[in-house]
PDB file of all heavy atoms in Angstrom:
ATOM      1  N   ASN A   1     118.328  58.692 114.160  1.00  0.00           N
ATOM      2  CA  ASN A   1     118.499  59.832 113.270  1.00  0.00           C
ATOM      3  C   ASN A   1     118.138  59.404 111.861  1.00  0.00           C
ATOM      4  O   ASN A   1     118.838  58.615 111.228  1.00  0.00           O
ATOM      5  CB  ASN A   1     119.961  60.319 113.325  1.00  0.00           C
ATOM      6  CG  ASN A   1     120.124  61.687 112.683  1.00  0.00           C
ATOM      7  OD1 ASN A   1     119.351  62.058 111.792  1.00  0.00           O
ATOM      8  ND2 ASN A   1     121.105  62.432 113.125  1.00  0.00           N
ATOM      9  N   VAL A   2     117.016  59.923 111.371  1.00  0.00           N
ATOM     10  CA  VAL A   2     116.536  59.588 110.025  1.00  0.00           C
ATOM     11  C   VAL A   2     116.246  60.883 109.293  1.00  0.00           C
ATOM     12  O   VAL A   2     115.458  61.695 109.764  1.00  0.00           O
ATOM     13  CB  VAL A   2     115.267  58.711 110.067  1.00  0.00           C
ATOM     14  CG1 VAL A   2     114.780  58.415 108.661  1.00  0.00           C
ATOM     15  CG2 VAL A   2     115.538  57.421 110.824  1.00  0.00           C
ATOM     16  N   GLY A   3     116.886  61.053 108.139  1.00  0.00           N
ATOM     17  CA  GLY A   3     116.643  62.246 107.317  1.00  0.00           C
ATOM     18  C   GLY A   3     116.996  63.530 108.037  1.00  0.00           C
ATOM     19  O   GLY A   3     116.352  64.557 107.823  1.00  0.00           O
ATOM     20  N   GLY A   4     117.998  63.484 108.891  1.00  0.00           N
ATOM     21  CA  GLY A   4     118.418  64.674 109.613  1.00  0.00           C
ATOM     22  C   GLY A   4     117.578  64.980 110.841  1.00  0.00           C
ATOM     23  O   GLY A   4     117.858  65.936 111.573  1.00  0.00           O
ATOM     24  N   GLU A   5     116.527  64.175 111.103  1.00  0.00           N
ATOM     25  CA  GLU A   5     115.687  64.386 112.272  1.00  0.00           C
ATOM     26  C   GLU A   5     116.051  63.362 113.344  1.00  0.00           C
ATOM     27  O   GLU A   5     115.965  62.152 113.117  1.00  0.00           O
ATOM     28  CB  GLU A   5     114.204  64.254 111.912  1.00  0.00           C
ATOM     29  CG  GLU A   5     113.270  64.483 113.088  1.00  0.00           C
ATOM     30  CD  GLU A   5     111.816  64.309 112.708  1.00  0.00           C
ATOM     31  OE1 GLU A   5     111.520  64.147 111.515  1.00  0.00           O
ATOM     32  OE2 GLU A   5     110.963  64.315 113.620  1.00  0.00           O
ATOM     33  N   LYS A   6     116.450  63.872 114.477  1.00  0.00           N
ATOM     34  CA  LYS A   6     116.879  62.982 115.563  1.00  0.00           C
ATOM     35  C   LYS A   6     115.778  62.848 116.603  1.00  0.00           C
ATOM     36  O   LYS A   6     115.186  63.832 117.020  1.00  0.00           O
ATOM     37  CB  LYS A   6     118.150  63.526 116.227  1.00  0.00           C
ATOM     38  CG  LYS A   6     118.690  62.620 117.333  1.00  0.00           C
ATOM     39  CD  LYS A   6     119.963  63.196 117.927  1.00  0.00           C
ATOM     40  CE  LYS A   6     120.489  62.309 119.062  1.00  0.00           C
ATOM     41  NZ  LYS A   6     121.749  62.841 119.662  1.00  0.00           N
ATOM     42  N   ARG A   7     115.516  61.605 116.993  1.00  0.00           N
ATOM     43  CA  ARG A   7     114.534  61.345 118.050  1.00  0.00           C
ATOM     44  C   ARG A   7     115.194  60.475 119.123  1.00  0.00           C
ATOM     45  O   ARG A   7     115.875  59.502 118.824  1.00  0.00           O
ATOM     46  CB  ARG A   7     113.306  60.633 117.499  1.00  0.00           C
ATOM     47  CG  ARG A   7     112.486  61.455 116.536  1.00  0.00           C
ATOM     48  CD  ARG A   7     111.155  60.817 116.278  1.00  0.00           C
ATOM     49  NE  ARG A   7     110.282  60.832 117.464  1.00  0.00           N
ATOM     50  CZ  ARG A   7     109.074  60.286 117.490  1.00  0.00           C
ATOM     51  NH1 ARG A   7     108.602  59.651 116.425  1.00  0.00           N
ATOM     52  NH2 ARG A   7     108.341  60.359 118.572  1.00  0.00           N
ATOM     53  N   GLU A   8     114.945  60.876 120.344  1.00  0.00           N
ATOM     54  CA  GLU A   8     115.429  60.087 121.486  1.00  0.00           C
ATOM     55  C   GLU A   8     114.242  59.316 122.033  1.00  0.00           C
ATOM     56  O   GLU A   8     113.271  59.899 122.514  1.00  0.00           O
ATOM     57  CB  GLU A   8     116.007  61.010 122.558  1.00  0.00           C
ATOM     58  CG  GLU A   8     117.213  61.791 122.085  1.00  0.00           C
ATOM     59  CD  GLU A   8     117.740  62.734 123.167  1.00  0.00           C
ATOM     60  OE1 GLU A   8     117.036  62.955 124.180  1.00  0.00           O
ATOM     61  OE2 GLU A   8     118.869  63.217 123.001  1.00  0.00           O
ATOM     62  N   VAL A   9     114.312  57.991 121.941  1.00  0.00           N
ATOM     63  CA  VAL A   9     113.184  57.154 122.326  1.00  0.00           C
ATOM     64  C   VAL A   9     113.601  56.205 123.463  1.00  0.00           C
ATOM     65  O   VAL A   9     114.780  55.846 123.591  1.00  0.00           O
ATOM     66  CB  VAL A   9     112.637  56.349 121.133  1.00  0.00           C
ATOM     67  CG1 VAL A   9     112.078  57.289 120.088  1.00  0.00           C
ATOM     68  CG2 VAL A   9     113.724  55.447 120.546  1.00  0.00           C
ATOM     69  N   ALA A  10     112.610  55.840 124.256  1.00  0.00           N
ATOM     70  CA  ALA A  10     112.880  54.944 125.396  1.00  0.00           C
ATOM     71  C   ALA A  10     112.665  53.488 125.030  1.00  0.00           C
ATOM     72  O   ALA A  10     112.771  52.623 125.903  1.00  0.00           O
ATOM     73  CB  ALA A  10     111.962  55.324 126.566  1.00  0.00           C
ATOM     74  N   VAL A  11     112.385  53.215 123.772  1.00  0.00           N
ATOM     75  CA  VAL A  11     112.075  51.855 123.333  1.00  0.00           C
ATOM     76  C   VAL A  11     113.155  51.349 122.383  1.00  0.00           C
ATOM     77  O   VAL A  11     114.019  52.112 121.939  1.00  0.00           O
ATOM     78  CB  VAL A  11     110.693  51.801 122.658  1.00  0.00           C
ATOM     79  CG1 VAL A  11     109.591  52.052 123.674  1.00  0.00           C
ATOM     80  CG2 VAL A  11     110.608  52.819 121.509  1.00  0.00           C
ATOM     81  N   ALA A  12     113.078  50.060 122.068  1.00  0.00           N
ATOM     82  CA  ALA A  12     114.044  49.421 121.186  1.00  0.00           C
ATOM     83  C   ALA A  12     113.389  48.167 120.601  1.00  0.00           C
ATOM     84  O   ALA A  12     112.293  47.787 121.014  1.00  0.00           O
ATOM     85  CB  ALA A  12     115.316  49.077 121.955  1.00  0.00           C
ATOM     86  N   PRO A  13     114.031  47.518 119.632  1.00  0.00           N
ATOM     87  CA  PRO A  13     113.448  46.295 119.073  1.00  0.00           C
ATOM     88  C   PRO A  13     113.208  45.228 120.140  1.00  0.00           C
ATOM     89  O   PRO A  13     114.001  45.088 121.083  1.00  0.00           O
ATOM     90  CB  PRO A  13     114.502  45.840 118.062  1.00  0.00           C
ATOM     91  CG  PRO A  13     115.213  47.093 117.666  1.00  0.00           C
ATOM     92  CD  PRO A  13     115.253  47.933 118.889  1.00  0.00           C
ATOM     93  N   ALA A  14     112.140  44.461 119.982  1.00  0.00           N
ATOM     94  CA  ALA A  14     111.785  43.459 120.970  1.00  0.00           C
ATOM     95  C   ALA A  14     112.871  42.396 121.124  1.00  0.00           C
ATOM     96  O   ALA A  14     113.039  41.817 122.203  1.00  0.00           O
ATOM     97  CB  ALA A  14     110.464  42.792 120.577  1.00  0.00           C
ATOM     98  N   ALA A  15     113.626  42.129 120.041  1.00  0.00           N
ATOM     99  CA  ALA A  15     114.623  41.064 120.076  1.00  0.00           C
ATOM    100  C   ALA A  15     115.939  41.493 120.721  1.00  0.00           C
ATOM    101  O   ALA A  15     116.813  40.648 120.947  1.00  0.00           O
ATOM    102  CB  ALA A  15     114.893  40.556 118.658  1.00  0.00           C
ATOM    103  N   LEU A  16     116.079  42.772 121.024  1.00  0.00           N
ATOM    104  CA  LEU A  16     117.379  43.273 121.504  1.00  0.00           C
ATOM    105  C   LEU A  16     117.789  42.618 122.820  1.00  0.00           C
ATOM    106  O   LEU A  16     118.866  42.015 122.917  1.00  0.00           O
ATOM    107  CB  LEU A  16     117.321  44.787 121.655  1.00  0.00           C
ATOM    108  CG  LEU A  16     118.579  45.433 122.268  1.00  0.00           C
ATOM    109  CD1 LEU A  16     119.805  45.149 121.405  1.00  0.00           C
ATOM    110  CD2 LEU A  16     118.379  46.937 122.436  1.00  0.00           C
ATOM    111  N   ALA A  17     116.979  42.755 123.845  1.00  0.00           N
ATOM    112  CA  ALA A  17     117.339  42.235 125.157  1.00  0.00           C
ATOM    113  C   ALA A  17     117.484  40.712 125.154  1.00  0.00           C
ATOM    114  O   ALA A  17     118.447  40.191 125.730  1.00  0.00           O
ATOM    115  CB  ALA A  17     116.323  42.687 126.204  1.00  0.00           C
ATOM    116  N   PRO A  18     116.558  39.944 124.512  1.00  0.00           N
ATOM    117  CA  PRO A  18     116.757  38.495 124.453  1.00  0.00           C
ATOM    118  C   PRO A  18     118.045  38.100 123.769  1.00  0.00           C
ATOM    119  O   PRO A  18     118.718  37.146 124.190  1.00  0.00           O
ATOM    120  CB  PRO A  18     115.527  38.013 123.671  1.00  0.00           C
ATOM    121  CG  PRO A  18     114.487  39.054 123.912  1.00  0.00           C
ATOM    122  CD  PRO A  18     115.247  40.354 123.983  1.00  0.00           C
ATOM    123  N   THR A  19     118.419  38.824 122.712  1.00  0.00           N
ATOM    124  CA  THR A  19     119.663  38.520 122.008  1.00  0.00           C
ATOM    125  C   THR A  19     120.868  38.783 122.905  1.00  0.00           C
ATOM    126  O   THR A  19     121.819  37.992 122.941  1.00  0.00           O
ATOM    127  CB  THR A  19     119.756  39.365 120.730  1.00  0.00           C
ATOM    128  OG1 THR A  19     118.668  39.076 119.870  1.00  0.00           O
ATOM    129  CG2 THR A  19     121.058  39.078 119.988  1.00  0.00           C
ATOM    130  N   LEU A  20     120.818  39.874 123.634  1.00  0.00           N
ATOM    131  CA  LEU A  20     121.917  40.180 124.556  1.00  0.00           C
ATOM    132  C   LEU A  20     122.049  39.101 125.627  1.00  0.00           C
ATOM    133  O   LEU A  20     123.152  38.674 125.980  1.00  0.00           O
ATOM    134  CB  LEU A  20     121.675  41.537 125.215  1.00  0.00           C
ATOM    135  CG  LEU A  20     121.931  42.757 124.342  1.00  0.00           C
ATOM    136  CD1 LEU A  20     121.354  44.022 125.010  1.00  0.00           C
ATOM    137  CD2 LEU A  20     123.421  42.947 124.068  1.00  0.00           C
ATOM    138  N   ALA A  21     120.910  38.641 126.149  1.00  0.00           N
ATOM    139  CA  ALA A  21     120.945  37.603 127.190  1.00  0.00           C
ATOM    140  C   ALA A  21     121.500  36.303 126.663  1.00  0.00           C
ATOM    141  O   ALA A  21     122.109  35.526 127.423  1.00  0.00           O
ATOM    142  CB  ALA A  21     119.549  37.401 127.749  1.00  0.00           C
ATOM    143  N   THR A  22     121.323  36.060 125.381  1.00  0.00           N
ATOM    144  CA  THR A  22     121.817  34.811 124.777  1.00  0.00           C
ATOM    145  C   THR A  22     123.275  34.907 124.373  1.00  0.00           C
ATOM    146  O   THR A  22     124.071  33.986 124.616  1.00  0.00           O
ATOM    147  CB  THR A  22     120.968  34.438 123.542  1.00  0.00           C
ATOM    148  OG1 THR A  22     119.596  34.303 123.928  1.00  0.00           O
ATOM    149  CG2 THR A  22     121.451  33.142 122.921  1.00  0.00           C
ATOM    150  N   ASP A  23     123.659  36.039 123.757  1.00  0.00           N
ATOM    151  CA  ASP A  23     124.985  36.144 123.154  1.00  0.00           C
ATOM    152  C   ASP A  23     126.019  36.866 124.031  1.00  0.00           C
ATOM    153  O   ASP A  23     127.212  36.751 123.791  1.00  0.00           O
ATOM    154  CB  ASP A  23     124.883  36.900 121.813  1.00  0.00           C
ATOM    155  CG  ASP A  23     123.971  36.166 120.822  1.00  0.00           C
ATOM    156  OD1 ASP A  23     123.728  34.960 121.039  1.00  0.00           O
ATOM    157  OD2 ASP A  23     123.511  36.811 119.871  1.00  0.00           O
ATOM    158  N   TYR A  24     125.566  37.610 125.006  1.00  0.00           N
ATOM    159  CA  TYR A  24     126.485  38.435 125.816  1.00  0.00           C
ATOM    160  C   TYR A  24     126.648  37.771 127.175  1.00  0.00           C
ATOM    161  O   TYR A  24     125.692  37.659 127.951  1.00  0.00           O
ATOM    162  CB  TYR A  24     125.897  39.841 125.945  1.00  0.00           C
ATOM    163  CG  TYR A  24     126.681  40.796 126.810  1.00  0.00           C
ATOM    164  CD1 TYR A  24     128.065  40.913 126.723  1.00  0.00           C
ATOM    165  CD2 TYR A  24     126.011  41.601 127.738  1.00  0.00           C
ATOM    166  CE1 TYR A  24     128.751  41.781 127.519  1.00  0.00           C
ATOM    167  CE2 TYR A  24     126.697  42.495 128.538  1.00  0.00           C
ATOM    168  CZ  TYR A  24     128.073  42.585 128.432  1.00  0.00           C
ATOM    169  OH  TYR A  24     128.766  43.457 129.229  1.00  0.00           O
ATOM    170  N   THR A  25     127.845  37.323 127.473  1.00  0.00           N
ATOM    171  CA  THR A  25     128.089  36.510 128.670  1.00  0.00           C
ATOM    172  C   THR A  25     127.837  37.280 129.966  1.00  0.00           C
ATOM    173  O   THR A  25     127.544  36.673 130.995  1.00  0.00           O
ATOM    174  CB  THR A  25     129.528  35.983 128.678  1.00  0.00           C
ATOM    175  OG1 THR A  25     130.437  37.083 128.593  1.00  0.00           O
ATOM    176  CG2 THR A  25     129.761  35.022 127.509  1.00  0.00           C
ATOM    177  N   ASP A  26     127.951  38.605 129.935  1.00  0.00           N
ATOM    178  CA  ASP A  26     127.760  39.387 131.159  1.00  0.00           C
ATOM    179  C   ASP A  26     126.302  39.764 131.382  1.00  0.00           C
ATOM    180  O   ASP A  26     125.984  40.445 132.354  1.00  0.00           O
ATOM    181  CB  ASP A  26     128.615  40.663 131.117  1.00  0.00           C
ATOM    182  CG  ASP A  26     130.070  40.373 131.435  1.00  0.00           C
ATOM    183  OD1 ASP A  26     130.321  39.304 132.000  1.00  0.00           O
ATOM    184  OD2 ASP A  26     130.930  41.221 131.131  1.00  0.00           O
ATOM    185  N   ALA A  27     125.413  39.315 130.504  1.00  0.00           N
ATOM    186  CA  ALA A  27     123.986  39.567 130.701  1.00  0.00           C
ATOM    187  C   ALA A  27     123.378  38.357 131.414  1.00  0.00           C
ATOM    188  O   ALA A  27     123.291  37.261 130.848  1.00  0.00           O
ATOM    189  CB  ALA A  27     123.282  39.806 129.364  1.00  0.00           C
ATOM    190  N   GLU A  28     122.965  38.565 132.640  1.00  0.00           N
ATOM    191  CA  GLU A  28     122.438  37.454 133.434  1.00  0.00           C
ATOM    192  C   GLU A  28     121.002  37.114 133.040  1.00  0.00           C
ATOM    193  O   GLU A  28     120.616  35.939 133.013  1.00  0.00           O
ATOM    194  CB  GLU A  28     122.498  37.828 134.916  1.00  0.00           C
ATOM    195  CG  GLU A  28     122.079  36.743 135.885  1.00  0.00           C
ATOM    196  CD  GLU A  28     122.283  37.141 137.315  1.00  0.00           C
ATOM    197  OE1 GLU A  28     123.371  37.658 137.655  1.00  0.00           O
ATOM    198  OE2 GLU A  28     121.350  36.954 138.126  1.00  0.00           O
ATOM    199  N   GLN A  29     120.188  38.134 132.747  1.00  0.00           N
ATOM    200  CA  GLN A  29     118.793  37.911 132.389  1.00  0.00           C
ATOM    201  C   GLN A  29     118.276  39.155 131.680  1.00  0.00           C
ATOM    202  O   GLN A  29     118.919  40.208 131.698  1.00  0.00           O
ATOM    203  CB  GLN A  29     117.950  37.614 133.628  1.00  0.00           C
ATOM    204  CG  GLN A  29     116.558  37.112 133.372  1.00  0.00           C
ATOM    205  CD  GLN A  29     116.472  35.905 132.442  1.00  0.00           C
ATOM    206  OE1 GLN A  29     116.492  36.094 131.219  1.00  0.00           O
ATOM    207  NE2 GLN A  29     116.366  34.717 133.018  1.00  0.00           N
ATOM    208  N   TYR A  30     117.107  39.034 131.075  1.00  0.00           N
ATOM    209  CA  TYR A  30     116.505  40.158 130.361  1.00  0.00           C
ATOM    210  C   TYR A  30     115.031  40.236 130.685  1.00  0.00           C
ATOM    211  O   TYR A  30     114.424  39.301 131.215  1.00  0.00           O
ATOM    212  CB  TYR A  30     116.689  40.004 128.850  1.00  0.00           C
ATOM    213  CG  TYR A  30     115.686  39.034 128.235  1.00  0.00           C
ATOM    214  CD1 TYR A  30     114.475  39.487 127.705  1.00  0.00           C
ATOM    215  CD2 TYR A  30     115.942  37.661 128.229  1.00  0.00           C
ATOM    216  CE1 TYR A  30     113.552  38.604 127.181  1.00  0.00           C
ATOM    217  CE2 TYR A  30     115.024  36.764 127.712  1.00  0.00           C
ATOM    218  CZ  TYR A  30     113.832  37.246 127.194  1.00  0.00           C
ATOM    219  OH  TYR A  30     112.908  36.368 126.677  1.00  0.00           O
ATOM    220  N   ALA A  31     114.415  41.360 130.342  1.00  0.00           N
ATOM    221  CA  ALA A  31     112.966  41.518 130.408  1.00  0.00           C
ATOM    222  C   ALA A  31     112.565  42.563 129.381  1.00  0.00           C
ATOM    223  O   ALA A  31     113.264  43.566 129.198  1.00  0.00           O
ATOM    224  CB  ALA A  31     112.509  41.945 131.806  1.00  0.00           C
ATOM    225  N   ILE A  32     111.463  42.295 128.687  1.00  0.00           N
ATOM    226  CA  ILE A  32     110.908  43.309 127.786  1.00  0.00           C
ATOM    227  C   ILE A  32     109.469  43.601 128.245  1.00  0.00           C
ATOM    228  O   ILE A  32     108.746  42.707 128.661  1.00  0.00           O
ATOM    229  CB  ILE A  32     110.945  42.882 126.299  1.00  0.00           C
ATOM    230  CG1 ILE A  32     110.165  41.570 126.079  1.00  0.00           C
ATOM    231  CG2 ILE A  32     112.382  42.730 125.830  1.00  0.00           C
ATOM    232  CD1 ILE A  32     110.041  41.202 124.598  1.00  0.00           C
ATOM    233  N   VAL A  33     109.110  44.872 128.145  1.00  0.00           N
ATOM    234  CA  VAL A  33     107.825  45.348 128.684  1.00  0.00           C
ATOM    235  C   VAL A  33     107.208  46.320 127.678  1.00  0.00           C
ATOM    236  O   VAL A  33     107.918  47.104 127.043  1.00  0.00           O
ATOM    237  CB  VAL A  33     108.020  46.034 130.048  1.00  0.00           C
ATOM    238  CG1 VAL A  33     106.714  46.626 130.534  1.00  0.00           C
ATOM    239  CG2 VAL A  33     108.567  45.064 131.071  1.00  0.00           C
ATOM    240  N   ARG A  34     105.868  46.266 127.585  1.00  0.00           N
ATOM    241  CA  ARG A  34     105.165  47.191 126.696  1.00  0.00           C
ATOM    242  C   ARG A  34     103.825  47.543 127.333  1.00  0.00           C
ATOM    243  O   ARG A  34     103.081  46.644 127.763  1.00  0.00           O
ATOM    244  CB  ARG A  34     104.951  46.544 125.332  1.00  0.00           C
ATOM    245  CG  ARG A  34     104.155  47.391 124.349  1.00  0.00           C
ATOM    246  CD  ARG A  34     104.073  46.685 123.011  1.00  0.00           C
ATOM    247  NE  ARG A  34     103.206  47.392 122.084  1.00  0.00           N
ATOM    248  CZ  ARG A  34     103.041  47.046 120.796  1.00  0.00           C
ATOM    249  NH1 ARG A  34     103.695  46.005 120.316  1.00  0.00           N
ATOM    250  NH2 ARG A  34     102.252  47.729 120.017  1.00  0.00           N
ATOM    251  N   PRO A  35     103.483  48.815 127.427  1.00  0.00           N
ATOM    252  CA  PRO A  35     102.212  49.189 128.069  1.00  0.00           C
ATOM    253  C   PRO A  35     101.013  48.841 127.203  1.00  0.00           C
ATOM    254  O   PRO A  35     101.074  48.878 125.967  1.00  0.00           O
ATOM    255  CB  PRO A  35     102.341  50.702 128.243  1.00  0.00           C
ATOM    256  CG  PRO A  35     103.288  51.130 127.163  1.00  0.00           C
ATOM    257  CD  PRO A  35     104.248  49.986 126.978  1.00  0.00           C
ATOM    258  N   ILE A  36      99.898  48.479 127.855  1.00  0.00           N
ATOM    259  CA  ILE A  36      98.607  48.299 127.176  1.00  0.00           C
ATOM    260  C   ILE A  36      97.796  49.540 127.480  1.00  0.00           C
ATOM    261  O   ILE A  36      97.333  49.730 128.621  1.00  0.00           O
ATOM    262  CB  ILE A  36      97.888  47.029 127.663  1.00  0.00           C
ATOM    263  CG1 ILE A  36      98.791  45.806 127.499  1.00  0.00           C
ATOM    264  CG2 ILE A  36      96.580  46.844 126.919  1.00  0.00           C
ATOM    265  CD1 ILE A  36      98.183  44.521 128.006  1.00  0.00           C
ATOM    266  N   ASN A  37      97.651  50.398 126.522  1.00  0.00           N
ATOM    267  CA  ASN A  37      97.077  51.726 126.774  1.00  0.00           C
ATOM    268  C   ASN A  37      95.602  51.683 127.161  1.00  0.00           C
ATOM    269  O   ASN A  37      95.146  52.455 128.003  1.00  0.00           O
ATOM    270  CB  ASN A  37      97.272  52.615 125.550  1.00  0.00           C
ATOM    271  CG  ASN A  37      98.752  52.887 125.290  1.00  0.00           C
ATOM    272  OD1 ASN A  37      99.519  53.035 126.226  1.00  0.00           O
ATOM    273  ND2 ASN A  37      99.138  52.945 124.014  1.00  0.00           N
ATOM    274  N   ASP A  38      94.831  50.816 126.523  1.00  0.00           N
ATOM    275  CA  ASP A  38      93.390  50.757 126.811  1.00  0.00           C
ATOM    276  C   ASP A  38      93.025  49.332 127.203  1.00  0.00           C
ATOM    277  O   ASP A  38      92.631  48.519 126.363  1.00  0.00           O
ATOM    278  CB  ASP A  38      92.578  51.185 125.573  1.00  0.00           C
ATOM    279  CG  ASP A  38      92.851  52.629 125.197  1.00  0.00           C
ATOM    280  OD1 ASP A  38      92.707  53.501 126.078  1.00  0.00           O
ATOM    281  OD2 ASP A  38      93.216  52.886 124.044  1.00  0.00           O
ATOM    282  N   PHE A  39      93.180  49.056 128.490  1.00  0.00           N
ATOM    283  CA  PHE A  39      92.842  47.736 128.987  1.00  0.00           C
ATOM    284  C   PHE A  39      91.558  47.860 129.794  1.00  0.00           C
ATOM    285  O   PHE A  39      91.554  48.360 130.923  1.00  0.00           O
ATOM    286  CB  PHE A  39      93.966  47.183 129.864  1.00  0.00           C
ATOM    287  CG  PHE A  39      93.820  45.723 130.179  1.00  0.00           C
ATOM    288  CD1 PHE A  39      94.291  44.759 129.313  1.00  0.00           C
ATOM    289  CD2 PHE A  39      93.195  45.312 131.356  1.00  0.00           C
ATOM    290  CE1 PHE A  39      94.150  43.399 129.601  1.00  0.00           C
ATOM    291  CE2 PHE A  39      93.050  43.964 131.651  1.00  0.00           C
ATOM    292  CZ  PHE A  39      93.530  43.012 130.778  1.00  0.00           C
TER     293      PHE A  39
END
């Protein structure tokens, strides 16, 4: 929510999942994925 405009997105910062896997004891493993649109 920025400037009163709310967006629901399926993405997040790249460091989020790795940080959770390192700092959160209940996280067994992580994976981050990003599509390559024009391969």
